[in-house]
Amino acid sequence: MSDISASAAGSKAAPEPVIIPTTGMGAPVPAADVPNPVEGRLRKAPLRVPDMYEQCSGFTLFGRRIRSLIYSTDVAVIRNSNADAVFAVYPFTAQPAITQALLTVAEAPLFVGVGGGTTTGRRAAELAAVSEMQGAAGVVLNSPATAEMVAQIATTVDIPVVATITKFDDEAAEKVYAGARIVNVAAGRNTAAVISELRAAFPNLPIIATGGNNAATASATVSAGANALIWAPPSVIQLQKDMMERYRAGKDAHDDEPHTSPKAPEAGVEIPVGDVPPVPDITDMPVANVPAGVVSTVPPEEVAKPVVTKGFVSPFHGFLPRFRRGGIGGMGR
């Protein structure tokens, strides 16, 4: 039986290899280096981060690569941006209602501020816990936050804590050791120098920073060791102003050319390229440029004085008046 089986197996012909022609009708079509972008007829992303932000190495957040963060709390701006994440901090006490509104429109991970300056202690930890339950991807602490506060919040939530620093010193290092998973460097003109010192001390630490108001500043920040850049977009007022100017000139809403037949450029004439308007530099966050007295602040919890109110004193002193069956004084019969 073994000889018969061997002869039967040997009689089967080996499968012929499949030969794919390199040219002609059966040749494979090579994929395009850059596929066409998929955009909607009406819905687009008018607010696009600068192209040089793609030079950032980025950091991985829950399996997603983050290279750019848009610094805004405007729901319309957030919805119409192509940034990899949202950096939502504002110069007021954090409120869950604001976080929920931002999460409703955000299509990218949201980093939300929970305090560090005025809001501290247990309230900041509770705000961080609520933000995590709402769906925030990370919580941001302002530069005055201590290492103890970082540790308290890091042990409360499972999302990364972003600690903001304005200089690299022992206190900044303690925040990293206390549990800060990401560091936001907001040192103004010294941002690149601070990033270099921080990167030398913590080679694998995710570092984010503002990209400044020009490409040279952004490039220097990336070269110093920043993994992702924060971009401050133009305000909605400026965008609306530019749109109305195009409308008055007979142009489309998202078109810089009038509705006329295109003309060929003259010989020797260089076609100007539109420059991206400069964006404000964020020296620290959150900062509000408002007149004195418009926004009032409250002291931190540890120095706030408790409100003392007098207890309620009953006019009956513990005794209730007696009523007859028919009411007071026999009335009501």
C-alpha atoms as a PDB file:
ATOM      1  CA  MET A   1       0.000   0.000   0.000  1.00  0.00           C
ATOM      2  CA  SER A   2       2.808   2.351   0.766  1.00  0.00           C
ATOM      3  CA  ASP A   3       4.310   1.863  -2.738  1.00  0.00           C
ATOM      4  CA  ILE A   4       0.942   2.524  -4.395  1.00  0.00           C
ATOM      5  CA  SER A   5       0.411   5.689  -2.335  1.00  0.00           C
ATOM      6  CA  ALA A   6       3.880   6.927  -3.171  1.00  0.00           C
ATOM      7  CA  SER A   7       3.357   6.327  -6.892  1.00  0.00           C
ATOM      8  CA  ALA A   8      -0.038   8.094  -6.773  1.00  0.00           C
ATOM      9  CA  ALA A   9       1.466  11.073  -5.001  1.00  0.00           C
ATOM     10  CA  GLY A  10       4.280  11.278  -7.482  1.00  0.00           C
ATOM     11  CA  SER A  11       1.870  11.216 -10.396  1.00  0.00           C
ATOM     12  CA  LYS A  12       0.326  14.562  -9.344  1.00  0.00           C
ATOM     13  CA  ALA A  13       1.747  17.415 -11.357  1.00  0.00           C
ATOM     14  CA  ALA A  14       3.289  20.329  -9.430  1.00  0.00           C
ATOM     15  CA  PRO A  15       1.305  23.587  -9.695  1.00  0.00           C
ATOM     16  CA  GLU A  16       2.655  25.964 -12.287  1.00  0.00           C
ATOM     17  CA  PRO A  17       3.886  29.316 -10.930  1.00  0.00           C
ATOM     18  CA  VAL A  18       1.799  32.360 -11.675  1.00  0.00           C
ATOM     19  CA  ILE A  19       3.713  34.768 -13.857  1.00  0.00           C
ATOM     20  CA  ILE A  20       2.629  38.412 -13.638  1.00  0.00           C
ATOM     21  CA  PRO A  21       3.655  40.372 -16.713  1.00  0.00           C
ATOM     22  CA  THR A  22       5.567  43.565 -16.134  1.00  0.00           C
ATOM     23  CA  THR A  23       4.083  45.264 -19.187  1.00  0.00           C
ATOM     24  CA  GLY A  24       0.956  44.938 -21.226  1.00  0.00           C
ATOM     25  CA  MET A  25      -2.646  44.261 -20.305  1.00  0.00           C
ATOM     26  CA  GLY A  26      -1.965  42.153 -17.195  1.00  0.00           C
ATOM     27  CA  ALA A  27       0.702  44.395 -15.697  1.00  0.00           C
ATOM     28  CA  PRO A  28      -0.096  45.808 -12.224  1.00  0.00           C
ATOM     29  CA  VAL A  29      -0.880  49.484 -11.980  1.00  0.00           C
ATOM     30  CA  PRO A  30       1.450  51.233  -9.507  1.00  0.00           C
ATOM     31  CA  ALA A  31      -0.171  53.225  -6.709  1.00  0.00           C
ATOM     32  CA  ALA A  32       0.099  56.972  -6.799  1.00  0.00           C
ATOM     33  CA  ASP A  33       2.685  58.548  -4.541  1.00  0.00           C
ATOM     34  CA  VAL A  34       0.153  61.056  -3.240  1.00  0.00           C
ATOM     35  CA  PRO A  35      -3.500  60.045  -3.640  1.00  0.00           C
ATOM     36  CA  ASN A  36      -6.105  62.666  -4.304  1.00  0.00           C
ATOM     37  CA  PRO A  37      -7.464  64.262  -1.103  1.00  0.00           C
ATOM     38  CA  VAL A  38     -10.991  63.309  -0.146  1.00  0.00           C
ATOM     39  CA  GLU A  39     -12.990  66.473   0.476  1.00  0.00           C
ATOM     40  CA  GLY A  40     -16.657  67.354   0.554  1.00  0.00           C
ATOM     41  CA  ARG A  41     -18.331  69.773  -1.816  1.00  0.00           C
ATOM     42  CA  LEU A  42     -19.276  72.062   1.071  1.00  0.00           C
ATOM     43  CA  ARG A  43     -17.494  70.689   4.076  1.00  0.00           C
ATOM     44  CA  LYS A  44     -13.766  71.221   4.051  1.00  0.00           C
ATOM     45  CA  ALA A  45     -11.086  72.054   6.588  1.00  0.00           C
ATOM     46  CA  PRO A  46     -10.416  75.759   5.967  1.00  0.00           C
ATOM     47  CA  LEU A  47      -8.132  76.010   8.998  1.00  0.00           C
ATOM     48  CA  ARG A  48      -5.116  73.926   8.137  1.00  0.00           C
ATOM     49  CA  VAL A  49      -2.057  73.800  10.326  1.00  0.00           C
ATOM     50  CA  PRO A  50       1.184  74.920   8.640  1.00  0.00           C
ATOM     51  CA  ASP A  51       2.752  72.259   6.442  1.00  0.00           C
ATOM     52  CA  MET A  52       6.055  72.397   8.298  1.00  0.00           C
ATOM     53  CA  TYR A  53       4.319  70.999  11.391  1.00  0.00           C
ATOM     54  CA  GLU A  54       4.502  67.631   9.642  1.00  0.00           C
ATOM     55  CA  GLN A  55       8.236  67.675  10.331  1.00  0.00           C
ATOM     56  CA  CYS A  56       7.506  66.942  13.990  1.00  0.00           C
ATOM     57  CA  SER A  57       8.256  63.420  15.118  1.00  0.00           C
ATOM     58  CA  GLY A  58       5.014  63.355  17.093  1.00  0.00           C
ATOM     59  CA  PHE A  59       4.052  61.207  20.056  1.00  0.00           C
ATOM     60  CA  THR A  60       1.635  58.311  20.292  1.00  0.00           C
ATOM     61  CA  LEU A  61      -1.566  58.827  22.262  1.00  0.00           C
ATOM     62  CA  PHE A  62      -3.737  55.728  22.574  1.00  0.00           C
ATOM     63  CA  GLY A  63      -2.424  54.464  19.233  1.00  0.00           C
ATOM     64  CA  ARG A  64      -2.838  57.808  17.439  1.00  0.00           C
ATOM     65  CA  ARG A  65       0.089  59.899  16.230  1.00  0.00           C
ATOM     66  CA  ILE A  66      -0.083  63.517  17.437  1.00  0.00           C
ATOM     67  CA  ARG A  67       2.043  66.105  15.631  1.00  0.00           C
ATOM     68  CA  SER A  68      -0.090  69.235  15.853  1.00  0.00           C
ATOM     69  CA  LEU A  69      -2.528  70.669  18.396  1.00  0.00           C
ATOM     70  CA  ILE A  70      -4.878  73.583  17.771  1.00  0.00           C
ATOM     71  CA  TYR A  71      -5.081  76.081  20.617  1.00  0.00           C
ATOM     72  CA  SER A  72      -8.715  77.116  20.703  1.00  0.00           C
ATOM     73  CA  THR A  73     -11.983  76.827  22.587  1.00  0.00           C
ATOM     74  CA  ASP A  74     -14.110  78.054  19.678  1.00  0.00           C
ATOM     75  CA  VAL A  75     -16.395  75.231  18.586  1.00  0.00           C
ATOM     76  CA  ALA A  76     -16.548  76.487  14.983  1.00  0.00           C
ATOM     77  CA  VAL A  77     -12.760  76.693  14.738  1.00  0.00           C
ATOM     78  CA  ILE A  78     -12.276  73.269  16.303  1.00  0.00           C
ATOM     79  CA  ARG A  79     -14.803  71.677  13.966  1.00  0.00           C
ATOM     80  CA  ASN A  80     -13.182  73.114  10.827  1.00  0.00           C
ATOM     81  CA  SER A  81      -9.550  72.335  11.604  1.00  0.00           C
ATOM     82  CA  ASN A  82      -7.331  69.467  10.503  1.00  0.00           C
ATOM     83  CA  ALA A  83      -5.126  69.459  13.612  1.00  0.00           C
ATOM     84  CA  ASP A  84      -4.293  66.112  15.186  1.00  0.00           C
ATOM     85  CA  ALA A  85      -5.562  67.204  18.619  1.00  0.00           C
ATOM     86  CA  VAL A  86      -7.244  70.093  20.430  1.00  0.00           C
ATOM     87  CA  PHE A  87      -5.524  72.082  23.175  1.00  0.00           C
ATOM     88  CA  ALA A  88      -8.459  73.673  25.025  1.00  0.00           C
ATOM     89  CA  VAL A  89      -7.412  75.844  27.947  1.00  0.00           C
ATOM     90  CA  TYR A  90      -8.947  79.144  28.963  1.00  0.00           C
ATOM     91  CA  PRO A  91      -8.337  81.792  31.665  1.00  0.00           C
ATOM     92  CA  PHE A  92     -11.321  80.836  33.793  1.00  0.00           C
ATOM     93  CA  THR A  93     -12.171  78.113  36.260  1.00  0.00           C
ATOM     94  CA  ALA A  94     -12.727  74.876  34.375  1.00  0.00           C
ATOM     95  CA  GLN A  95     -16.352  73.850  33.995  1.00  0.00           C
ATOM     96  CA  PRO A  96     -17.624  70.434  32.849  1.00  0.00           C
ATOM     97  CA  ALA A  97     -20.305  72.101  30.706  1.00  0.00           C
ATOM     98  CA  ILE A  98     -17.609  73.753  28.579  1.00  0.00           C
ATOM     99  CA  THR A  99     -15.717  70.482  28.265  1.00  0.00           C
ATOM    100  CA  GLN A 100     -18.862  68.695  27.152  1.00  0.00           C
ATOM    101  CA  ALA A 101     -19.580  71.333  24.510  1.00  0.00           C
ATOM    102  CA  LEU A 102     -16.048  71.014  23.111  1.00  0.00           C
ATOM    103  CA  LEU A 103     -16.233  67.224  23.071  1.00  0.00           C
ATOM    104  CA  THR A 104     -19.499  67.422  21.141  1.00  0.00           C
ATOM    105  CA  VAL A 105     -17.846  69.116  18.141  1.00  0.00           C
ATOM    106  CA  ALA A 106     -14.245  67.866  18.386  1.00  0.00           C
ATOM    107  CA  GLU A 107     -13.259  65.136  15.935  1.00  0.00           C
ATOM    108  CA  ALA A 108      -9.759  64.865  17.401  1.00  0.00           C
ATOM    109  CA  PRO A 109      -8.486  64.060  20.911  1.00  0.00           C
ATOM    110  CA  LEU A 110      -9.189  66.878  23.359  1.00  0.00           C
ATOM    111  CA  PHE A 111      -6.750  68.108  25.993  1.00  0.00           C
ATOM    112  CA  VAL A 112      -8.666  70.253  28.472  1.00  0.00           C
ATOM    113  CA  GLY A 113      -7.356  72.496  31.244  1.00  0.00           C
ATOM    114  CA  VAL A 114      -8.421  71.646  34.786  1.00  0.00           C
ATOM    115  CA  GLY A 115      -6.523  74.237  36.830  1.00  0.00           C
ATOM    116  CA  GLY A 116      -3.193  74.664  38.482  1.00  0.00           C
ATOM    117  CA  GLY A 117      -3.336  78.348  39.358  1.00  0.00           C
ATOM    118  CA  THR A 118      -6.596  79.446  40.959  1.00  0.00           C
ATOM    119  CA  THR A 119      -8.232  76.022  40.886  1.00  0.00           C
ATOM    120  CA  THR A 120      -6.162  73.631  42.994  1.00  0.00           C
ATOM    121  CA  GLY A 121      -6.447  70.736  45.395  1.00  0.00           C
ATOM    122  CA  ARG A 122      -9.399  68.392  45.509  1.00  0.00           C
ATOM    123  CA  ARG A 123     -11.489  70.453  43.098  1.00  0.00           C
ATOM    124  CA  ALA A 124      -8.864  70.192  40.353  1.00  0.00           C
ATOM    125  CA  ALA A 125      -8.625  66.419  40.884  1.00  0.00           C
ATOM    126  CA  GLU A 126     -12.401  66.091  40.695  1.00  0.00           C
ATOM    127  CA  LEU A 127     -12.513  68.180  37.514  1.00  0.00           C
ATOM    128  CA  ALA A 128      -9.876  65.904  35.987  1.00  0.00           C
ATOM    129  CA  ALA A 129     -11.906  62.821  36.911  1.00  0.00           C
ATOM    130  CA  VAL A 130     -15.073  64.297  35.410  1.00  0.00           C
ATOM    131  CA  SER A 131     -13.177  65.280  32.239  1.00  0.00           C
ATOM    132  CA  GLU A 132     -11.949  61.715  31.850  1.00  0.00           C
ATOM    133  CA  MET A 133     -15.483  60.360  32.258  1.00  0.00           C
ATOM    134  CA  GLN A 134     -16.753  62.831  29.666  1.00  0.00           C
ATOM    135  CA  GLY A 135     -14.191  61.589  27.126  1.00  0.00           C
ATOM    136  CA  ALA A 136     -11.216  63.957  27.296  1.00  0.00           C
ATOM    137  CA  ALA A 137      -7.925  62.528  26.058  1.00  0.00           C
ATOM    138  CA  GLY A 138      -5.794  64.415  28.589  1.00  0.00           C
ATOM    139  CA  VAL A 139      -5.852  67.111  31.239  1.00  0.00           C
ATOM    140  CA  VAL A 140      -3.617  70.188  31.311  1.00  0.00           C
ATOM    141  CA  LEU A 141      -2.222  71.862  34.423  1.00  0.00           C
ATOM    142  CA  ASN A 142      -0.977  75.424  34.392  1.00  0.00           C
ATOM    143  CA  SER A 143       2.570  76.347  35.375  1.00  0.00           C
ATOM    144  CA  PRO A 144       1.820  77.224  39.044  1.00  0.00           C
ATOM    145  CA  ALA A 145       0.706  73.641  39.723  1.00  0.00           C
ATOM    146  CA  THR A 146       2.983  71.910  42.219  1.00  0.00           C
ATOM    147  CA  ALA A 147       4.452  68.432  41.960  1.00  0.00           C
ATOM    148  CA  GLU A 148       2.087  67.303  44.728  1.00  0.00           C
ATOM    149  CA  MET A 149      -0.883  68.443  42.655  1.00  0.00           C
ATOM    150  CA  VAL A 150       0.460  66.608  39.614  1.00  0.00           C
ATOM    151  CA  ALA A 151       0.811  63.434  41.672  1.00  0.00           C
ATOM    152  CA  GLN A 152      -2.716  63.782  43.092  1.00  0.00           C
ATOM    153  CA  ILE A 153      -4.287  64.084  39.638  1.00  0.00           C
ATOM    154  CA  ALA A 154      -2.031  61.455  38.046  1.00  0.00           C
ATOM    155  CA  THR A 155      -3.185  58.909  40.618  1.00  0.00           C
ATOM    156  CA  THR A 156      -6.822  59.896  40.091  1.00  0.00           C
ATOM    157  CA  VAL A 157      -7.189  59.629  36.312  1.00  0.00           C
ATOM    158  CA  ASP A 158      -5.955  57.166  33.710  1.00  0.00           C
ATOM    159  CA  ILE A 159      -5.488  59.753  30.972  1.00  0.00           C
ATOM    160  CA  PRO A 160      -2.184  61.625  30.623  1.00  0.00           C
ATOM    161  CA  VAL A 161      -1.492  64.708  32.725  1.00  0.00           C
ATOM    162  CA  VAL A 162       0.137  67.575  30.809  1.00  0.00           C
ATOM    163  CA  ALA A 163       2.273  69.777  33.046  1.00  0.00           C
ATOM    164  CA  THR A 164       3.137  73.284  31.864  1.00  0.00           C
ATOM    165  CA  ILE A 165       6.561  74.706  32.688  1.00  0.00           C
ATOM    166  CA  THR A 166       8.136  78.080  31.983  1.00  0.00           C
ATOM    167  CA  LYS A 167      11.714  77.086  32.828  1.00  0.00           C
ATOM    168  CA  PHE A 168      13.660  73.924  33.484  1.00  0.00           C
ATOM    169  CA  ASP A 169      14.638  73.547  37.114  1.00  0.00           C
ATOM    170  CA  ASP A 170      14.233  71.084  39.962  1.00  0.00           C
ATOM    171  CA  GLU A 171      10.522  71.867  40.247  1.00  0.00           C
ATOM    172  CA  ALA A 172       9.989  71.026  36.571  1.00  0.00           C
ATOM    173  CA  ALA A 173      11.824  67.725  36.987  1.00  0.00           C
ATOM    174  CA  GLU A 174       9.766  66.910  40.071  1.00  0.00           C
ATOM    175  CA  LYS A 175       6.568  67.313  38.041  1.00  0.00           C
ATOM    176  CA  VAL A 176       7.815  64.680  35.615  1.00  0.00           C
ATOM    177  CA  TYR A 177       8.742  62.322  38.435  1.00  0.00           C
ATOM    178  CA  ALA A 178       5.352  62.979  40.049  1.00  0.00           C
ATOM    179  CA  GLY A 179       3.505  61.576  37.047  1.00  0.00           C
ATOM    180  CA  ALA A 180       3.337  64.169  34.268  1.00  0.00           C
ATOM    181  CA  ARG A 181       3.242  62.120  31.069  1.00  0.00           C
ATOM    182  CA  ILE A 182       3.558  65.121  28.738  1.00  0.00           C
ATOM    183  CA  VAL A 183       5.254  68.476  29.316  1.00  0.00           C
ATOM    184  CA  ASN A 184       4.103  71.701  27.693  1.00  0.00           C
ATOM    185  CA  VAL A 185       6.954  74.222  27.456  1.00  0.00           C
ATOM    186  CA  ALA A 186       5.649  77.796  27.508  1.00  0.00           C
ATOM    187  CA  ALA A 187       8.808  79.863  27.974  1.00  0.00           C
ATOM    188  CA  GLY A 188       8.215  82.548  25.350  1.00  0.00           C
ATOM    189  CA  ARG A 189      11.428  83.459  23.554  1.00  0.00           C
ATOM    190  CA  ASN A 190      13.350  80.947  25.670  1.00  0.00           C
ATOM    191  CA  THR A 191      11.177  78.008  24.612  1.00  0.00           C
ATOM    192  CA  ALA A 192      13.812  76.368  22.423  1.00  0.00           C
ATOM    193  CA  ALA A 193      16.492  76.634  25.123  1.00  0.00           C
ATOM    194  CA  VAL A 194      14.203  75.185  27.788  1.00  0.00           C
ATOM    195  CA  ILE A 195      13.237  72.327  25.478  1.00  0.00           C
ATOM    196  CA  SER A 196      16.910  71.503  24.885  1.00  0.00           C
ATOM    197  CA  GLU A 197      17.574  71.235  28.625  1.00  0.00           C
ATOM    198  CA  LEU A 198      14.426  69.197  29.198  1.00  0.00           C
ATOM    199  CA  ARG A 199      15.217  66.841  26.328  1.00  0.00           C
ATOM    200  CA  ALA A 200      18.727  66.243  27.636  1.00  0.00           C
ATOM    201  CA  ALA A 201      17.333  65.235  31.036  1.00  0.00           C
ATOM    202  CA  PHE A 202      14.389  63.177  29.711  1.00  0.00           C
ATOM    203  CA  PRO A 203      15.178  61.696  26.272  1.00  0.00           C
ATOM    204  CA  ASN A 204      11.880  59.796  25.927  1.00  0.00           C
ATOM    205  CA  LEU A 205       9.500  62.374  27.384  1.00  0.00           C
ATOM    206  CA  PRO A 206       6.784  63.704  25.027  1.00  0.00           C
ATOM    207  CA  ILE A 207       7.282  67.480  24.750  1.00  0.00           C
ATOM    208  CA  ILE A 208       4.864  69.951  23.195  1.00  0.00           C
ATOM    209  CA  ALA A 209       5.312  73.685  22.691  1.00  0.00           C
ATOM    210  CA  THR A 210       3.942  76.593  20.703  1.00  0.00           C
ATOM    211  CA  GLY A 211       5.125  76.977  17.145  1.00  0.00           C
ATOM    212  CA  GLY A 212       5.537  80.747  17.354  1.00  0.00           C
ATOM    213  CA  ASN A 213       4.472  83.220  14.695  1.00  0.00           C
ATOM    214  CA  ASN A 214       6.768  82.183  11.857  1.00  0.00           C
ATOM    215  CA  ALA A 215       8.318  79.117  10.274  1.00  0.00           C
ATOM    216  CA  ALA A 216      11.807  79.876  11.633  1.00  0.00           C
ATOM    217  CA  THR A 217      10.600  79.805  15.238  1.00  0.00           C
ATOM    218  CA  ALA A 218       8.673  76.595  14.667  1.00  0.00           C
ATOM    219  CA  SER A 219      11.674  74.945  13.019  1.00  0.00           C
ATOM    220  CA  ALA A 220      13.934  75.952  15.913  1.00  0.00           C
ATOM    221  CA  THR A 221      11.438  74.539  18.398  1.00  0.00           C
ATOM    222  CA  VAL A 222      11.323  71.216  16.566  1.00  0.00           C
ATOM    223  CA  SER A 223      15.112  71.093  16.265  1.00  0.00           C
ATOM    224  CA  ALA A 224      15.407  71.657  20.015  1.00  0.00           C
ATOM    225  CA  GLY A 225      13.433  68.485  20.673  1.00  0.00           C
ATOM    226  CA  ALA A 226       9.704  69.250  20.609  1.00  0.00           C
ATOM    227  CA  ASN A 227       7.598  66.288  19.489  1.00  0.00           C
ATOM    228  CA  ALA A 228       4.452  68.281  18.629  1.00  0.00           C
ATOM    229  CA  LEU A 229       3.597  71.934  18.097  1.00  0.00           C
ATOM    230  CA  ILE A 230       0.640  73.957  19.318  1.00  0.00           C
ATOM    231  CA  TRP A 231      -0.884  76.205  16.655  1.00  0.00           C
ATOM    232  CA  ALA A 232      -2.925  79.305  17.465  1.00  0.00           C
ATOM    233  CA  PRO A 233      -5.326  79.843  14.538  1.00  0.00           C
ATOM    234  CA  PRO A 234      -6.661  83.199  13.359  1.00  0.00           C
ATOM    235  CA  SER A 235      -9.733  84.438  15.169  1.00  0.00           C
ATOM    236  CA  VAL A 236     -13.196  83.959  13.760  1.00  0.00           C
ATOM    237  CA  ILE A 237     -13.530  87.746  13.526  1.00  0.00           C
ATOM    238  CA  GLN A 238     -10.478  87.939  11.265  1.00  0.00           C
ATOM    239  CA  LEU A 239     -11.685  85.029   9.146  1.00  0.00           C
ATOM    240  CA  GLN A 240     -15.117  86.596   8.757  1.00  0.00           C
ATOM    241  CA  LYS A 241     -13.529  89.916   7.817  1.00  0.00           C
ATOM    242  CA  ASP A 242     -11.430  88.258   5.111  1.00  0.00           C
ATOM    243  CA  MET A 243     -14.475  86.438   3.765  1.00  0.00           C
ATOM    244  CA  MET A 244     -16.532  89.636   3.544  1.00  0.00           C
ATOM    245  CA  GLU A 245     -13.688  91.357   1.699  1.00  0.00           C
ATOM    246  CA  ARG A 246     -13.691  88.545  -0.852  1.00  0.00           C
ATOM    247  CA  TYR A 247     -17.459  88.801  -1.178  1.00  0.00           C
ATOM    248  CA  ARG A 248     -17.248  92.544  -1.808  1.00  0.00           C
ATOM    249  CA  ALA A 249     -14.608  91.927  -4.467  1.00  0.00           C
ATOM    250  CA  GLY A 250     -16.856  89.405  -6.197  1.00  0.00           C
ATOM    251  CA  LYS A 251     -14.864  86.366  -5.113  1.00  0.00           C
ATOM    252  CA  ASP A 252     -15.982  83.048  -3.717  1.00  0.00           C
ATOM    253  CA  ALA A 253     -15.939  82.309  -0.009  1.00  0.00           C
ATOM    254  CA  HIS A 254     -12.872  80.085  -0.252  1.00  0.00           C
ATOM    255  CA  ASP A 255     -11.337  81.412  -3.417  1.00  0.00           C
ATOM    256  CA  ASP A 256      -8.721  84.097  -3.707  1.00  0.00           C
ATOM    257  CA  GLU A 257      -9.367  84.639  -7.419  1.00  0.00           C
ATOM    258  CA  PRO A 258     -12.403  86.463  -8.935  1.00  0.00           C
ATOM    259  CA  HIS A 259     -14.904  84.626 -11.136  1.00  0.00           C
ATOM    260  CA  THR A 260     -13.196  85.481 -14.397  1.00  0.00           C
ATOM    261  CA  SER A 261     -11.448  83.443 -17.028  1.00  0.00           C
ATOM    262  CA  PRO A 262      -7.855  82.779 -16.050  1.00  0.00           C
ATOM    263  CA  LYS A 263      -5.175  84.718 -17.875  1.00  0.00           C
ATOM    264  CA  ALA A 264      -1.732  83.443 -18.707  1.00  0.00           C
ATOM    265  CA  PRO A 265       1.056  85.169 -16.778  1.00  0.00           C
ATOM    266  CA  GLU A 266       3.278  87.499 -18.683  1.00  0.00           C
ATOM    267  CA  ALA A 267       6.800  86.444 -19.466  1.00  0.00           C
ATOM    268  CA  GLY A 268       9.273  87.253 -16.751  1.00  0.00           C
ATOM    269  CA  VAL A 269       6.572  88.068 -14.193  1.00  0.00           C
ATOM    270  CA  GLU A 270       6.760  86.062 -11.005  1.00  0.00           C
ATOM    271  CA  ILE A 271       3.438  84.852  -9.655  1.00  0.00           C
ATOM    272  CA  PRO A 272       3.133  85.923  -5.988  1.00  0.00           C
ATOM    273  CA  VAL A 273       2.353  83.239  -3.454  1.00  0.00           C
ATOM    274  CA  GLY A 274      -0.025  84.083  -0.642  1.00  0.00           C
ATOM    275  CA  ASP A 275       1.627  84.202   2.759  1.00  0.00           C
ATOM    276  CA  VAL A 276       0.034  82.646   5.772  1.00  0.00           C
ATOM    277  CA  PRO A 277      -0.966  85.406   8.228  1.00  0.00           C
ATOM    278  CA  PRO A 278       1.158  85.354  11.371  1.00  0.00           C
ATOM    279  CA  VAL A 279      -0.434  83.871  14.434  1.00  0.00           C
ATOM    280  CA  PRO A 280       0.062  85.147  17.972  1.00  0.00           C
ATOM    281  CA  ASP A 281       2.734  83.534  20.067  1.00  0.00           C
ATOM    282  CA  ILE A 282       1.550  81.896  23.261  1.00  0.00           C
ATOM    283  CA  THR A 283       4.026  82.699  26.000  1.00  0.00           C
ATOM    284  CA  ASP A 284       2.003  80.945  28.663  1.00  0.00           C
ATOM    285  CA  MET A 285      -1.430  79.498  29.035  1.00  0.00           C
ATOM    286  CA  PRO A 286      -3.969  80.447  29.972  1.00  0.00           C
ATOM    287  CA  VAL A 287      -3.506  84.203  29.581  1.00  0.00           C
ATOM    288  CA  ALA A 288      -6.313  86.712  29.193  1.00  0.00           C
ATOM    289  CA  ASN A 289      -5.545  90.133  27.734  1.00  0.00           C
ATOM    290  CA  VAL A 290      -8.410  91.926  29.446  1.00  0.00           C
ATOM    291  CA  PRO A 291      -8.544  95.215  31.353  1.00  0.00           C
ATOM    292  CA  ALA A 292      -8.032  95.100  35.097  1.00  0.00           C
ATOM    293  CA  GLY A 293     -11.211  94.502  37.012  1.00  0.00           C
ATOM    294  CA  VAL A 294     -13.116  92.831  34.167  1.00  0.00           C
ATOM    295  CA  VAL A 295     -12.353  89.301  35.309  1.00  0.00           C
ATOM    296  CA  SER A 296     -12.334  88.792  39.052  1.00  0.00           C
ATOM    297  CA  THR A 297     -10.406  85.941  40.610  1.00  0.00           C
ATOM    298  CA  VAL A 298     -10.853  84.051  43.830  1.00  0.00           C
ATOM    299  CA  PRO A 299      -8.104  82.894  46.192  1.00  0.00           C
ATOM    300  CA  PRO A 300      -7.088  79.232  46.255  1.00  0.00           C
ATOM    301  CA  GLU A 301      -8.873  76.783  48.504  1.00  0.00           C
ATOM    302  CA  GLU A 302      -6.251  76.777  51.213  1.00  0.00           C
ATOM    303  CA  VAL A 303      -6.471  80.532  51.803  1.00  0.00           C
ATOM    304  CA  ALA A 304     -10.139  81.106  51.040  1.00  0.00           C
ATOM    305  CA  LYS A 305     -12.109  82.256  54.058  1.00  0.00           C
ATOM    306  CA  PRO A 306     -15.247  80.247  54.832  1.00  0.00           C
ATOM    307  CA  VAL A 307     -18.546  82.032  54.570  1.00  0.00           C
ATOM    308  CA  VAL A 308     -20.127  82.272  58.029  1.00  0.00           C
ATOM    309  CA  THR A 309     -23.894  82.615  58.170  1.00  0.00           C
ATOM    310  CA  LYS A 310     -26.148  82.791  61.188  1.00  0.00           C
ATOM    311  CA  GLY A 311     -28.288  79.797  61.851  1.00  0.00           C
ATOM    312  CA  PHE A 312     -32.019  79.895  61.393  1.00  0.00           C
ATOM    313  CA  VAL A 313     -33.896  80.690  64.606  1.00  0.00           C
ATOM    314  CA  SER A 314     -37.540  79.631  64.770  1.00  0.00           C
ATOM    315  CA  PRO A 315     -39.914  82.268  66.130  1.00  0.00           C
ATOM    316  CA  PHE A 316     -41.777  79.523  68.014  1.00  0.00           C
ATOM    317  CA  HIS A 317     -38.638  78.439  69.966  1.00  0.00           C
ATOM    318  CA  GLY A 318     -39.444  74.790  69.510  1.00  0.00           C
ATOM    319  CA  PHE A 319     -43.153  75.061  70.379  1.00  0.00           C
ATOM    320  CA  LEU A 320     -45.901  74.931  67.787  1.00  0.00           C
ATOM    321  CA  PRO A 321     -49.209  76.740  68.315  1.00  0.00           C
ATOM    322  CA  ARG A 322     -52.224  74.606  69.158  1.00  0.00           C
ATOM    323  CA  PHE A 323     -55.085  74.666  66.709  1.00  0.00           C
ATOM    324  CA  ARG A 324     -58.658  73.657  67.372  1.00  0.00           C
ATOM    325  CA  ARG A 325     -60.483  71.178  65.178  1.00  0.00           C
ATOM    326  CA  GLY A 326     -62.402  73.914  63.411  1.00  0.00           C
ATOM    327  CA  GLY A 327     -59.307  76.021  62.791  1.00  0.00           C
ATOM    328  CA  ILE A 328     -57.857  78.956  64.622  1.00  0.00           C
ATOM    329  CA  GLY A 329     -60.390  80.464  67.040  1.00  0.00           C
ATOM    330  CA  GLY A 330     -63.182  78.218  65.796  1.00  0.00           C
ATOM    331  CA  MET A 331     -63.051  79.641  62.259  1.00  0.00           C
ATOM    332  CA  GLY A 332     -63.387  77.532  59.187  1.00  0.00           C
ATOM    333  CA  ARG A 333     -66.443  75.580  60.203  1.00  0.00           C
END
